[in-house]
Amino acid sequence: MTQYLFSVHHGSEAYDRTPEEMQPSWDATGRFNDKAVAAGVFVFAGGLQPAETATTVDARGEAPIITDGPYLETKEWIGGFWVLDLPDLDTALRWATEASAACGEAVEVRPFHGD
């Protein structure tokens, strides 16, 4: 089995929604999570605060540089993620299709490096 990262991509408008507007997505995502747990493929998942809450640390030089905000200025960023343990990419894409439908956002699928 391979672990896959499912990154949920969205823009700032996702944080402009009211809790009432978000509730159907949260409910659908909860059902997706329950299904993944029941199937034995769920490893970990989480939602992230908006990109402006990020802090970037660059320690490639003599002294670290710590900057408020995300590393890249983009219109979209990762708003949440899942890590699922799945047998192959085709299976991962099927699960990602359900994940995208549940959260209402695009989901990028990427395998972790193997041993």
PDB file of N, CA and C in Angstrom:
ATOM      1  N   MET A   1       0.853  -1.186   0.000  1.00  0.00           N
ATOM      2  CA  MET A   1       0.000   0.000   0.000  1.00  0.00           C
ATOM      3  C   MET A   1       0.893   1.242   0.000  1.00  0.00           C
ATOM      4  N   THR A   2       0.369   2.278  -0.575  1.00  0.00           N
ATOM      5  CA  THR A   2       1.059   3.569  -0.667  1.00  0.00           C
ATOM      6  C   THR A   2       0.209   4.628   0.018  1.00  0.00           C
ATOM      7  N   GLN A   3       0.851   5.515   0.727  1.00  0.00           N
ATOM      8  CA  GLN A   3       0.117   6.644   1.302  1.00  0.00           C
ATOM      9  C   GLN A   3       0.071   7.768   0.277  1.00  0.00           C
ATOM     10  N   TYR A   4      -1.116   8.351   0.130  1.00  0.00           N
ATOM     11  CA  TYR A   4      -1.348   9.449  -0.807  1.00  0.00           C
ATOM     12  C   TYR A   4      -1.804  10.680  -0.041  1.00  0.00           C
ATOM     13  N   LEU A   5      -1.272  11.827  -0.431  1.00  0.00           N
ATOM     14  CA  LEU A   5      -1.725  13.102   0.102  1.00  0.00           C
ATOM     15  C   LEU A   5      -2.789  13.653  -0.832  1.00  0.00           C
ATOM     16  N   PHE A   6      -3.950  13.935  -0.285  1.00  0.00           N
ATOM     17  CA  PHE A   6      -5.039  14.581  -1.019  1.00  0.00           C
ATOM     18  C   PHE A   6      -5.080  16.022  -0.532  1.00  0.00           C
ATOM     19  N   SER A   7      -4.587  16.957  -1.330  1.00  0.00           N
ATOM     20  CA  SER A   7      -4.555  18.372  -0.961  1.00  0.00           C
ATOM     21  C   SER A   7      -5.798  19.059  -1.493  1.00  0.00           C
ATOM     22  N   VAL A   8      -6.500  19.769  -0.620  1.00  0.00           N
ATOM     23  CA  VAL A   8      -7.699  20.511  -1.004  1.00  0.00           C
ATOM     24  C   VAL A   8      -7.277  21.929  -1.351  1.00  0.00           C
ATOM     25  N   HIS A   9      -7.516  22.321  -2.600  1.00  0.00           N
ATOM     26  CA  HIS A   9      -7.111  23.647  -3.064  1.00  0.00           C
ATOM     27  C   HIS A   9      -8.314  24.568  -3.164  1.00  0.00           C
ATOM     28  N   HIS A  10      -8.166  25.768  -2.623  1.00  0.00           N
ATOM     29  CA  HIS A  10      -9.214  26.761  -2.795  1.00  0.00           C
ATOM     30  C   HIS A  10      -8.650  28.150  -2.579  1.00  0.00           C
ATOM     31  N   GLY A  11      -9.454  29.143  -2.886  1.00  0.00           N
ATOM     32  CA  GLY A  11      -9.056  30.535  -2.743  1.00  0.00           C
ATOM     33  C   GLY A  11      -9.689  31.173  -1.526  1.00  0.00           C
ATOM     34  N   SER A  12      -9.472  32.461  -1.384  1.00  0.00           N
ATOM     35  CA  SER A  12      -9.913  33.189  -0.192  1.00  0.00           C
ATOM     36  C   SER A  12     -11.425  33.187  -0.030  1.00  0.00           C
ATOM     37  N   GLU A  13     -12.171  33.036  -1.121  1.00  0.00           N
ATOM     38  CA  GLU A  13     -13.635  33.054  -1.009  1.00  0.00           C
ATOM     39  C   GLU A  13     -14.155  31.921  -0.132  1.00  0.00           C
ATOM     40  N   ALA A  14     -13.383  30.853   0.005  1.00  0.00           N
ATOM     41  CA  ALA A  14     -13.809  29.747   0.851  1.00  0.00           C
ATOM     42  C   ALA A  14     -13.926  30.189   2.307  1.00  0.00           C
ATOM     43  N   TYR A  15     -13.110  31.150   2.717  1.00  0.00           N
ATOM     44  CA  TYR A  15     -13.149  31.628   4.094  1.00  0.00           C
ATOM     45  C   TYR A  15     -14.185  32.736   4.288  1.00  0.00           C
ATOM     46  N   ASP A  16     -14.812  33.168   3.202  1.00  0.00           N
ATOM     47  CA  ASP A  16     -15.847  34.196   3.285  1.00  0.00           C
ATOM     48  C   ASP A  16     -17.232  33.601   3.523  1.00  0.00           C
ATOM     49  N   ARG A  17     -17.351  32.290   3.435  1.00  0.00           N
ATOM     50  CA  ARG A  17     -18.640  31.631   3.616  1.00  0.00           C
ATOM     51  C   ARG A  17     -19.030  31.586   5.093  1.00  0.00           C
ATOM     52  N   THR A  18     -20.301  31.685   5.343  1.00  0.00           N
ATOM     53  CA  THR A  18     -20.793  31.597   6.711  1.00  0.00           C
ATOM     54  C   THR A  18     -20.793  30.135   7.160  1.00  0.00           C
ATOM     55  N   PRO A  19     -20.837  29.901   8.470  1.00  0.00           N
ATOM     56  CA  PRO A  19     -20.947  28.510   8.934  1.00  0.00           C
ATOM     57  C   PRO A  19     -22.168  27.798   8.356  1.00  0.00           C
ATOM     58  N   GLU A  20     -23.259  28.515   8.198  1.00  0.00           N
ATOM     59  CA  GLU A  20     -24.458  27.902   7.616  1.00  0.00           C
ATOM     60  C   GLU A  20     -24.216  27.486   6.172  1.00  0.00           C
ATOM     61  N   GLU A  21     -23.470  28.301   5.425  1.00  0.00           N
ATOM     62  CA  GLU A  21     -23.150  27.951   4.035  1.00  0.00           C
ATOM     63  C   GLU A  21     -22.175  26.781   3.967  1.00  0.00           C
ATOM     64  N   MET A  22     -21.303  26.653   4.957  1.00  0.00           N
ATOM     65  CA  MET A  22     -20.293  25.599   4.964  1.00  0.00           C
ATOM     66  C   MET A  22     -20.818  24.265   5.496  1.00  0.00           C
ATOM     67  N   GLN A  23     -21.917  24.293   6.259  1.00  0.00           N
ATOM     68  CA  GLN A  23     -22.386  23.092   6.940  1.00  0.00           C
ATOM     69  C   GLN A  23     -22.611  21.896   6.005  1.00  0.00           C
ATOM     70  N   PRO A  24     -23.235  22.075   4.831  1.00  0.00           N
ATOM     71  CA  PRO A  24     -23.391  20.901   3.947  1.00  0.00           C
ATOM     72  C   PRO A  24     -22.052  20.274   3.547  1.00  0.00           C
ATOM     73  N   SER A  25     -21.039  21.097   3.300  1.00  0.00           N
ATOM     74  CA  SER A  25     -19.714  20.582   2.951  1.00  0.00           C
ATOM     75  C   SER A  25     -19.085  19.865   4.144  1.00  0.00           C
ATOM     76  N   TRP A  26     -19.216  20.444   5.320  1.00  0.00           N
ATOM     77  CA  TRP A  26     -18.670  19.786   6.518  1.00  0.00           C
ATOM     78  C   TRP A  26     -19.356  18.450   6.756  1.00  0.00           C
ATOM     79  N   ASP A  27     -20.671  18.402   6.553  1.00  0.00           N
ATOM     80  CA  ASP A  27     -21.400  17.148   6.725  1.00  0.00           C
ATOM     81  C   ASP A  27     -20.932  16.099   5.718  1.00  0.00           C
ATOM     82  N   ALA A  28     -20.798  16.504   4.454  1.00  0.00           N
ATOM     83  CA  ALA A  28     -20.356  15.573   3.403  1.00  0.00           C
ATOM     84  C   ALA A  28     -18.925  15.112   3.658  1.00  0.00           C
ATOM     85  N   THR A  29     -18.074  16.026   4.116  1.00  0.00           N
ATOM     86  CA  THR A  29     -16.695  15.663   4.420  1.00  0.00           C
ATOM     87  C   THR A  29     -16.646  14.692   5.596  1.00  0.00           C
ATOM     88  N   GLY A  30     -17.496  14.907   6.582  1.00  0.00           N
ATOM     89  CA  GLY A  30     -17.570  13.974   7.712  1.00  0.00           C
ATOM     90  C   GLY A  30     -17.975  12.580   7.266  1.00  0.00           C
ATOM     91  N   ARG A  31     -18.940  12.502   6.357  1.00  0.00           N
ATOM     92  CA  ARG A  31     -19.351  11.192   5.827  1.00  0.00           C
ATOM     93  C   ARG A  31     -18.204  10.538   5.047  1.00  0.00           C
ATOM     94  N   PHE A  32     -17.475  11.352   4.269  1.00  0.00           N
ATOM     95  CA  PHE A  32     -16.311  10.825   3.542  1.00  0.00           C
ATOM     96  C   PHE A  32     -15.278  10.281   4.526  1.00  0.00           C
ATOM     97  N   ASN A  33     -14.989  11.044   5.575  1.00  0.00           N
ATOM     98  CA  ASN A  33     -14.023  10.592   6.583  1.00  0.00           C
ATOM     99  C   ASN A  33     -14.476   9.280   7.216  1.00  0.00           C
ATOM    100  N   ASP A  34     -15.748   9.191   7.579  1.00  0.00           N
ATOM    101  CA  ASP A  34     -16.276   7.970   8.177  1.00  0.00           C
ATOM    102  C   ASP A  34     -16.106   6.784   7.238  1.00  0.00           C
ATOM    103  N   LYS A  35     -16.359   6.998   5.947  1.00  0.00           N
ATOM    104  CA  LYS A  35     -16.210   5.927   4.956  1.00  0.00           C
ATOM    105  C   LYS A  35     -14.752   5.475   4.864  1.00  0.00           C
ATOM    106  N   ALA A  36     -13.818   6.444   4.860  1.00  0.00           N
ATOM    107  CA  ALA A  36     -12.391   6.113   4.774  1.00  0.00           C
ATOM    108  C   ALA A  36     -11.930   5.343   6.015  1.00  0.00           C
ATOM    109  N   VAL A  37     -12.416   5.742   7.184  1.00  0.00           N
ATOM    110  CA  VAL A  37     -12.081   5.023   8.423  1.00  0.00           C
ATOM    111  C   VAL A  37     -12.633   3.603   8.356  1.00  0.00           C
ATOM    112  N   ALA A  38     -13.892   3.463   7.968  1.00  0.00           N
ATOM    113  CA  ALA A  38     -14.525   2.143   7.892  1.00  0.00           C
ATOM    114  C   ALA A  38     -13.818   1.241   6.890  1.00  0.00           C
ATOM    115  N   ALA A  39     -13.281   1.818   5.809  1.00  0.00           N
ATOM    116  CA  ALA A  39     -12.576   1.040   4.791  1.00  0.00           C
ATOM    117  C   ALA A  39     -11.144   0.707   5.200  1.00  0.00           C
ATOM    118  N   GLY A  40     -10.678   1.298   6.308  1.00  0.00           N
ATOM    119  CA  GLY A  40      -9.324   1.029   6.781  1.00  0.00           C
ATOM    120  C   GLY A  40      -8.235   1.741   6.014  1.00  0.00           C
ATOM    121  N   VAL A  41      -8.577   2.820   5.282  1.00  0.00           N
ATOM    122  CA  VAL A  41      -7.576   3.536   4.483  1.00  0.00           C
ATOM    123  C   VAL A  41      -7.217   4.899   5.076  1.00  0.00           C
ATOM    124  N   PHE A  42      -7.965   5.352   6.080  1.00  0.00           N
ATOM    125  CA  PHE A  42      -7.757   6.670   6.678  1.00  0.00           C
ATOM    126  C   PHE A  42      -6.486   6.665   7.522  1.00  0.00           C
ATOM    127  N   VAL A  43      -5.591   7.620   7.268  1.00  0.00           N
ATOM    128  CA  VAL A  43      -4.383   7.790   8.077  1.00  0.00           C
ATOM    129  C   VAL A  43      -4.503   9.056   8.911  1.00  0.00           C
ATOM    130  N   PHE A  44      -4.795  10.187   8.242  1.00  0.00           N
ATOM    131  CA  PHE A  44      -4.850  11.472   8.929  1.00  0.00           C
ATOM    132  C   PHE A  44      -5.513  12.480   8.014  1.00  0.00           C
ATOM    133  N   ALA A  45      -6.176  13.482   8.594  1.00  0.00           N
ATOM    134  CA  ALA A  45      -6.777  14.560   7.805  1.00  0.00           C
ATOM    135  C   ALA A  45      -6.826  15.809   8.666  1.00  0.00           C
ATOM    136  N   GLY A  46      -6.917  16.966   8.019  1.00  0.00           N
ATOM    137  CA  GLY A  46      -7.048  18.206   8.769  1.00  0.00           C
ATOM    138  C   GLY A  46      -7.363  19.371   7.865  1.00  0.00           C
ATOM    139  N   GLY A  47      -8.013  20.362   8.447  1.00  0.00           N
ATOM    140  CA  GLY A  47      -8.266  21.619   7.764  1.00  0.00           C
ATOM    141  C   GLY A  47      -7.269  22.649   8.254  1.00  0.00           C
ATOM    142  N   LEU A  48      -6.941  23.592   7.409  1.00  0.00           N
ATOM    143  CA  LEU A  48      -5.958  24.611   7.744  1.00  0.00           C
ATOM    144  C   LEU A  48      -6.592  25.989   7.859  1.00  0.00           C
ATOM    145  N   GLN A  49      -6.023  26.817   8.699  1.00  0.00           N
ATOM    146  CA  GLN A  49      -6.432  28.213   8.805  1.00  0.00           C
ATOM    147  C   GLN A  49      -6.069  28.925   7.498  1.00  0.00           C
ATOM    148  N   PRO A  50      -6.608  30.125   7.239  1.00  0.00           N
ATOM    149  CA  PRO A  50      -6.288  30.848   6.005  1.00  0.00           C
ATOM    150  C   PRO A  50      -4.783  31.069   5.825  1.00  0.00           C
ATOM    151  N   ALA A  51      -4.370  31.220   4.571  1.00  0.00           N
ATOM    152  CA  ALA A  51      -2.948  31.354   4.239  1.00  0.00           C
ATOM    153  C   ALA A  51      -2.295  32.536   4.949  1.00  0.00           C
ATOM    154  N   GLU A  52      -3.052  33.590   5.219  1.00  0.00           N
ATOM    155  CA  GLU A  52      -2.437  34.751   5.881  1.00  0.00           C
ATOM    156  C   GLU A  52      -2.035  34.451   7.322  1.00  0.00           C
ATOM    157  N   THR A  53      -2.434  33.307   7.878  1.00  0.00           N
ATOM    158  CA  THR A  53      -1.993  32.934   9.224  1.00  0.00           C
ATOM    159  C   THR A  53      -0.661  32.184   9.191  1.00  0.00           C
ATOM    160  N   ALA A  54      -0.150  31.909   7.996  1.00  0.00           N
ATOM    161  CA  ALA A  54       1.100  31.158   7.849  1.00  0.00           C
ATOM    162  C   ALA A  54       2.309  32.006   8.238  1.00  0.00           C
ATOM    163  N   THR A  55       3.368  31.320   8.612  1.00  0.00           N
ATOM    164  CA  THR A  55       4.674  31.932   8.830  1.00  0.00           C
ATOM    165  C   THR A  55       5.669  31.096   8.043  1.00  0.00           C
ATOM    166  N   THR A  56       6.541  31.769   7.287  1.00  0.00           N
ATOM    167  CA  THR A  56       7.533  31.071   6.481  1.00  0.00           C
ATOM    168  C   THR A  56       8.906  31.231   7.118  1.00  0.00           C
ATOM    169  N   VAL A  57       9.631  30.122   7.247  1.00  0.00           N
ATOM    170  CA  VAL A  57      10.979  30.122   7.802  1.00  0.00           C
ATOM    171  C   VAL A  57      11.935  29.679   6.703  1.00  0.00           C
ATOM    172  N   ASP A  58      12.951  30.508   6.424  1.00  0.00           N
ATOM    173  CA  ASP A  58      13.970  30.182   5.428  1.00  0.00           C
ATOM    174  C   ASP A  58      15.325  30.172   6.132  1.00  0.00           C
ATOM    175  N   ALA A  59      15.851  28.972   6.379  1.00  0.00           N
ATOM    176  CA  ALA A  59      17.119  28.830   7.083  1.00  0.00           C
ATOM    177  C   ALA A  59      18.227  28.359   6.149  1.00  0.00           C
ATOM    178  N   ARG A  60      18.149  28.749   4.895  1.00  0.00           N
ATOM    179  CA  ARG A  60      19.181  28.336   3.935  1.00  0.00           C
ATOM    180  C   ARG A  60      20.440  29.175   4.046  1.00  0.00           C
ATOM    181  N   GLY A  61      20.360  30.338   4.662  1.00  0.00           N
ATOM    182  CA  GLY A  61      21.521  31.212   4.804  1.00  0.00           C
ATOM    183  C   GLY A  61      22.150  31.089   6.176  1.00  0.00           C
ATOM    184  N   GLU A  62      22.965  32.084   6.530  1.00  0.00           N
ATOM    185  CA  GLU A  62      23.645  32.077   7.828  1.00  0.00           C
ATOM    186  C   GLU A  62      22.666  32.220   8.983  1.00  0.00           C
ATOM    187  N   ALA A  63      21.646  33.042   8.799  1.00  0.00           N
ATOM    188  CA  ALA A  63      20.646  33.256   9.847  1.00  0.00           C
ATOM    189  C   ALA A  63      19.260  32.999   9.253  1.00  0.00           C
ATOM    190  N   PRO A  64      18.376  32.422  10.044  1.00  0.00           N
ATOM    191  CA  PRO A  64      17.033  32.181   9.505  1.00  0.00           C
ATOM    192  C   PRO A  64      16.288  33.485   9.250  1.00  0.00           C
ATOM    193  N   ILE A  65      15.489  33.475   8.198  1.00  0.00           N
ATOM    194  CA  ILE A  65      14.609  34.596   7.888  1.00  0.00           C
ATOM    195  C   ILE A  65      13.185  34.117   8.139  1.00  0.00           C
ATOM    196  N   ILE A  66      12.490  34.818   9.022  1.00  0.00           N
ATOM    197  CA  ILE A  66      11.125  34.448   9.379  1.00  0.00           C
ATOM    198  C   ILE A  66      10.200  35.537   8.869  1.00  0.00           C
ATOM    199  N   THR A  67       9.235  35.137   8.035  1.00  0.00           N
ATOM    200  CA  THR A  67       8.349  36.078   7.361  1.00  0.00           C
ATOM    201  C   THR A  67       6.900  35.712   7.636  1.00  0.00           C
ATOM    202  N   ASP A  68       6.092  36.714   7.955  1.00  0.00           N
ATOM    203  CA  ASP A  68       4.658  36.475   8.094  1.00  0.00           C
ATOM    204  C   ASP A  68       4.069  36.181   6.726  1.00  0.00           C
ATOM    205  N   GLY A  69       3.145  35.245   6.689  1.00  0.00           N
ATOM    206  CA  GLY A  69       2.434  34.947   5.458  1.00  0.00           C
ATOM    207  C   GLY A  69       2.983  33.744   4.735  1.00  0.00           C
ATOM    208  N   PRO A  70       2.294  33.343   3.673  1.00  0.00           N
ATOM    209  CA  PRO A  70       2.696  32.153   2.918  1.00  0.00           C
ATOM    210  C   PRO A  70       3.972  32.408   2.124  1.00  0.00           C
ATOM    211  N   TYR A  71       4.632  31.326   1.755  1.00  0.00           N
ATOM    212  CA  TYR A  71       5.865  31.400   0.978  1.00  0.00           C
ATOM    213  C   TYR A  71       5.613  31.978  -0.412  1.00  0.00           C
ATOM    214  N   LEU A  72       4.544  31.545  -1.048  1.00  0.00           N
ATOM    215  CA  LEU A  72       4.205  32.012  -2.389  1.00  0.00           C
ATOM    216  C   LEU A  72       2.947  32.867  -2.353  1.00  0.00           C
ATOM    217  N   GLU A  73       2.916  33.886  -3.164  1.00  0.00           N
ATOM    218  CA  GLU A  73       1.695  34.662  -3.314  1.00  0.00           C
ATOM    219  C   GLU A  73       0.912  34.068  -4.468  1.00  0.00           C
ATOM    220  N   THR A  74      -0.191  33.428  -4.150  1.00  0.00           N
ATOM    221  CA  THR A  74      -1.017  32.770  -5.159  1.00  0.00           C
ATOM    222  C   THR A  74      -2.481  33.084  -4.897  1.00  0.00           C
ATOM    223  N   LYS A  75      -3.313  32.755  -5.869  1.00  0.00           N
ATOM    224  CA  LYS A  75      -4.744  32.948  -5.711  1.00  0.00           C
ATOM    225  C   LYS A  75      -5.394  31.753  -5.038  1.00  0.00           C
ATOM    226  N   GLU A  76      -4.694  30.618  -5.011  1.00  0.00           N
ATOM    227  CA  GLU A  76      -5.202  29.405  -4.372  1.00  0.00           C
ATOM    228  C   GLU A  76      -4.123  28.848  -3.457  1.00  0.00           C
ATOM    229  N   TRP A  77      -4.558  28.111  -2.445  1.00  0.00           N
ATOM    230  CA  TRP A  77      -3.626  27.464  -1.542  1.00  0.00           C
ATOM    231  C   TRP A  77      -4.282  26.230  -0.955  1.00  0.00           C
ATOM    232  N   ILE A  78      -3.496  25.486  -0.188  1.00  0.00           N
ATOM    233  CA  ILE A  78      -4.023  24.282   0.440  1.00  0.00           C
ATOM    234  C   ILE A  78      -4.848  24.696   1.646  1.00  0.00           C
ATOM    235  N   GLY A  79      -6.103  24.288   1.647  1.00  0.00           N
ATOM    236  CA  GLY A  79      -6.999  24.615   2.746  1.00  0.00           C
ATOM    237  C   GLY A  79      -7.208  23.452   3.694  1.00  0.00           C
ATOM    238  N   GLY A  80      -6.822  22.280   3.274  1.00  0.00           N
ATOM    239  CA  GLY A  80      -6.955  21.084   4.098  1.00  0.00           C
ATOM    240  C   GLY A  80      -6.384  19.902   3.342  1.00  0.00           C
ATOM    241  N   PHE A  81      -6.397  18.744   3.978  1.00  0.00           N
ATOM    242  CA  PHE A  81      -5.781  17.578   3.346  1.00  0.00           C
ATOM    243  C   PHE A  81      -6.256  16.292   4.001  1.00  0.00           C
ATOM    244  N   TRP A  82      -6.050  15.212   3.284  1.00  0.00           N
ATOM    245  CA  TRP A  82      -6.193  13.857   3.811  1.00  0.00           C
ATOM    246  C   TRP A  82      -4.916  13.101   3.486  1.00  0.00           C
ATOM    247  N   VAL A  83      -4.576  12.137   4.303  1.00  0.00           N
ATOM    248  CA  VAL A  83      -3.570  11.134   3.967  1.00  0.00           C
ATOM    249  C   VAL A  83      -4.298   9.801   4.036  1.00  0.00           C
ATOM    250  N   LEU A  84      -4.345   9.111   2.898  1.00  0.00           N
ATOM    251  CA  LEU A  84      -5.007   7.804   2.814  1.00  0.00           C
ATOM    252  C   LEU A  84      -4.001   6.762   2.360  1.00  0.00           C
ATOM    253  N   ASP A  85      -4.135   5.557   2.851  1.00  0.00           N
ATOM    254  CA  ASP A  85      -3.261   4.437   2.514  1.00  0.00           C
ATOM    255  C   ASP A  85      -4.002   3.559   1.519  1.00  0.00           C
ATOM    256  N   LEU A  86      -3.564   3.592   0.257  1.00  0.00           N
ATOM    257  CA  LEU A  86      -4.312   2.956  -0.829  1.00  0.00           C
ATOM    258  C   LEU A  86      -3.389   2.091  -1.689  1.00  0.00           C
ATOM    259  N   PRO A  87      -3.945   1.102  -2.392  1.00  0.00           N
ATOM    260  CA  PRO A  87      -3.109   0.164  -3.131  1.00  0.00           C
ATOM    261  C   PRO A  87      -2.478   0.725  -4.406  1.00  0.00           C
ATOM    262  N   ASP A  88      -3.128   1.713  -5.048  1.00  0.00           N
ATOM    263  CA  ASP A  88      -2.593   2.197  -6.316  1.00  0.00           C
ATOM    264  C   ASP A  88      -3.231   3.542  -6.675  1.00  0.00           C
ATOM    265  N   LEU A  89      -2.684   4.170  -7.729  1.00  0.00           N
ATOM    266  CA  LEU A  89      -3.153   5.485  -8.147  1.00  0.00           C
ATOM    267  C   LEU A  89      -4.604   5.465  -8.609  1.00  0.00           C
ATOM    268  N   ASP A  90      -5.005   4.423  -9.320  1.00  0.00           N
ATOM    269  CA  ASP A  90      -6.404   4.361  -9.771  1.00  0.00           C
ATOM    270  C   ASP A  90      -7.367   4.395  -8.589  1.00  0.00           C
ATOM    271  N   THR A  91      -7.045   3.651  -7.553  1.00  0.00           N
ATOM    272  CA  THR A  91      -7.885   3.662  -6.348  1.00  0.00           C
ATOM    273  C   THR A  91      -7.852   5.034  -5.698  1.00  0.00           C
ATOM    274  N   ALA A  92      -6.662   5.648  -5.649  1.00  0.00           N
ATOM    275  CA  ALA A  92      -6.529   6.991  -5.069  1.00  0.00           C
ATOM    276  C   ALA A  92      -7.381   8.005  -5.829  1.00  0.00           C
ATOM    277  N   LEU A  93      -7.424   7.881  -7.143  1.00  0.00           N
ATOM    278  CA  LEU A  93      -8.218   8.824  -7.941  1.00  0.00           C
ATOM    279  C   LEU A  93      -9.715   8.642  -7.698  1.00  0.00           C
ATOM    280  N   ARG A  94     -10.150   7.405  -7.478  1.00  0.00           N
ATOM    281  CA  ARG A  94     -11.558   7.177  -7.140  1.00  0.00           C
ATOM    282  C   ARG A  94     -11.904   7.820  -5.798  1.00  0.00           C
ATOM    283  N   TRP A  95     -11.029   7.632  -4.812  1.00  0.00           N
ATOM    284  CA  TRP A  95     -11.260   8.253  -3.503  1.00  0.00           C
ATOM    285  C   TRP A  95     -11.198   9.782  -3.615  1.00  0.00           C
ATOM    286  N   ALA A  96     -10.271  10.301  -4.415  1.00  0.00           N
ATOM    287  CA  ALA A  96     -10.147  11.756  -4.574  1.00  0.00           C
ATOM    288  C   ALA A  96     -11.382  12.355  -5.232  1.00  0.00           C
ATOM    289  N   THR A  97     -12.000  11.612  -6.137  1.00  0.00           N
ATOM    290  CA  THR A  97     -13.237  12.077  -6.763  1.00  0.00           C
ATOM    291  C   THR A  97     -14.311  12.268  -5.700  1.00  0.00           C
ATOM    292  N   GLU A  98     -14.426  11.302  -4.804  1.00  0.00           N
ATOM    293  CA  GLU A  98     -15.398  11.436  -3.713  1.00  0.00           C
ATOM    294  C   GLU A  98     -15.020  12.563  -2.757  1.00  0.00           C
ATOM    295  N   ALA A  99     -13.730  12.711  -2.483  1.00  0.00           N
ATOM    296  CA  ALA A  99     -13.268  13.776  -1.582  1.00  0.00           C
ATOM    297  C   ALA A  99     -13.582  15.151  -2.162  1.00  0.00           C
ATOM    298  N   SER A 100     -13.327  15.320  -3.446  1.00  0.00           N
ATOM    299  CA  SER A 100     -13.601  16.595  -4.105  1.00  0.00           C
ATOM    300  C   SER A 100     -15.087  16.921  -4.076  1.00  0.00           C
ATOM    301  N   ALA A 101     -15.911  15.927  -4.348  1.00  0.00           N
ATOM    302  CA  ALA A 101     -17.357  16.143  -4.310  1.00  0.00           C
ATOM    303  C   ALA A 101     -17.809  16.502  -2.891  1.00  0.00           C
ATOM    304  N   ALA A 102     -17.208  15.860  -1.895  1.00  0.00           N
ATOM    305  CA  ALA A 102     -17.604  16.104  -0.507  1.00  0.00           C
ATOM    306  C   ALA A 102     -17.238  17.512  -0.051  1.00  0.00           C
ATOM    307  N   CYS A 103     -16.004  17.934  -0.325  1.00  0.00           N
ATOM    308  CA  CYS A 103     -15.561  19.238   0.186  1.00  0.00           C
ATOM    309  C   CYS A 103     -15.901  20.383  -0.759  1.00  0.00           C
ATOM    310  N   GLY A 104     -16.273  20.066  -1.989  1.00  0.00           N
ATOM    311  CA  GLY A 104     -16.649  21.110  -2.938  1.00  0.00           C
ATOM    312  C   GLY A 104     -15.483  21.900  -3.484  1.00  0.00           C
ATOM    313  N   GLU A 105     -14.313  21.305  -3.486  1.00  0.00           N
ATOM    314  CA  GLU A 105     -13.102  21.968  -3.986  1.00  0.00           C
ATOM    315  C   GLU A 105     -12.285  20.978  -4.812  1.00  0.00           C
ATOM    316  N   ALA A 106     -11.301  21.499  -5.544  1.00  0.00           N
ATOM    317  CA  ALA A 106     -10.384  20.631  -6.282  1.00  0.00           C
ATOM    318  C   ALA A 106      -9.469  19.915  -5.297  1.00  0.00           C
ATOM    319  N   VAL A 107      -9.120  18.677  -5.616  1.00  0.00           N
ATOM    320  CA  VAL A 107      -8.248  17.879  -4.761  1.00  0.00           C
ATOM    321  C   VAL A 107      -7.079  17.370  -5.596  1.00  0.00           C
ATOM    322  N   GLU A 108      -5.864  17.712  -5.188  1.00  0.00           N
ATOM    323  CA  GLU A 108      -4.650  17.208  -5.838  1.00  0.00           C
ATOM    324  C   GLU A 108      -4.234  15.916  -5.148  1.00  0.00           C
ATOM    325  N   VAL A 109      -3.855  14.908  -5.927  1.00  0.00           N
ATOM    326  CA  VAL A 109      -3.437  13.610  -5.399  1.00  0.00           C
ATOM    327  C   VAL A 109      -1.943  13.455  -5.643  1.00  0.00           C
ATOM    328  N   ARG A 110      -1.212  13.132  -4.573  1.00  0.00           N
ATOM    329  CA  ARG A 110       0.241  12.952  -4.725  1.00  0.00           C
ATOM    330  C   ARG A 110       0.707  11.835  -3.797  1.00  0.00           C
ATOM    331  N   PRO A 111       1.439  10.831  -4.340  1.00  0.00           N
ATOM    332  CA  PRO A 111       1.942   9.761  -3.479  1.00  0.00           C
ATOM    333  C   PRO A 111       3.152  10.235  -2.670  1.00  0.00           C
ATOM    334  N   PHE A 112       3.286   9.644  -1.479  1.00  0.00           N
ATOM    335  CA  PHE A 112       4.489   9.865  -0.692  1.00  0.00           C
ATOM    336  C   PHE A 112       5.606   9.006  -1.272  1.00  0.00           C
ATOM    337  N   HIS A 113       6.858   9.385  -1.007  1.00  0.00           N
ATOM    338  CA  HIS A 113       7.988   8.542  -1.386  1.00  0.00           C
ATOM    339  C   HIS A 113       7.871   7.214  -0.670  1.00  0.00           C
ATOM    340  N   GLY A 114       8.253   6.136  -1.338  1.00  0.00           N
ATOM    341  CA  GLY A 114       8.265   4.821  -0.705  1.00  0.00           C
ATOM    342  C   GLY A 114       9.483   4.679   0.186  1.00  0.00           C
ATOM    343  N   ASP A 115       9.604   3.520   0.787  1.00  0.00           N
ATOM    344  CA  ASP A 115      10.766   3.246   1.659  1.00  0.00           C
ATOM    345  C   ASP A 115      12.038   3.187   0.860  1.00  0.00           C
TER     346      ASP A 115
END
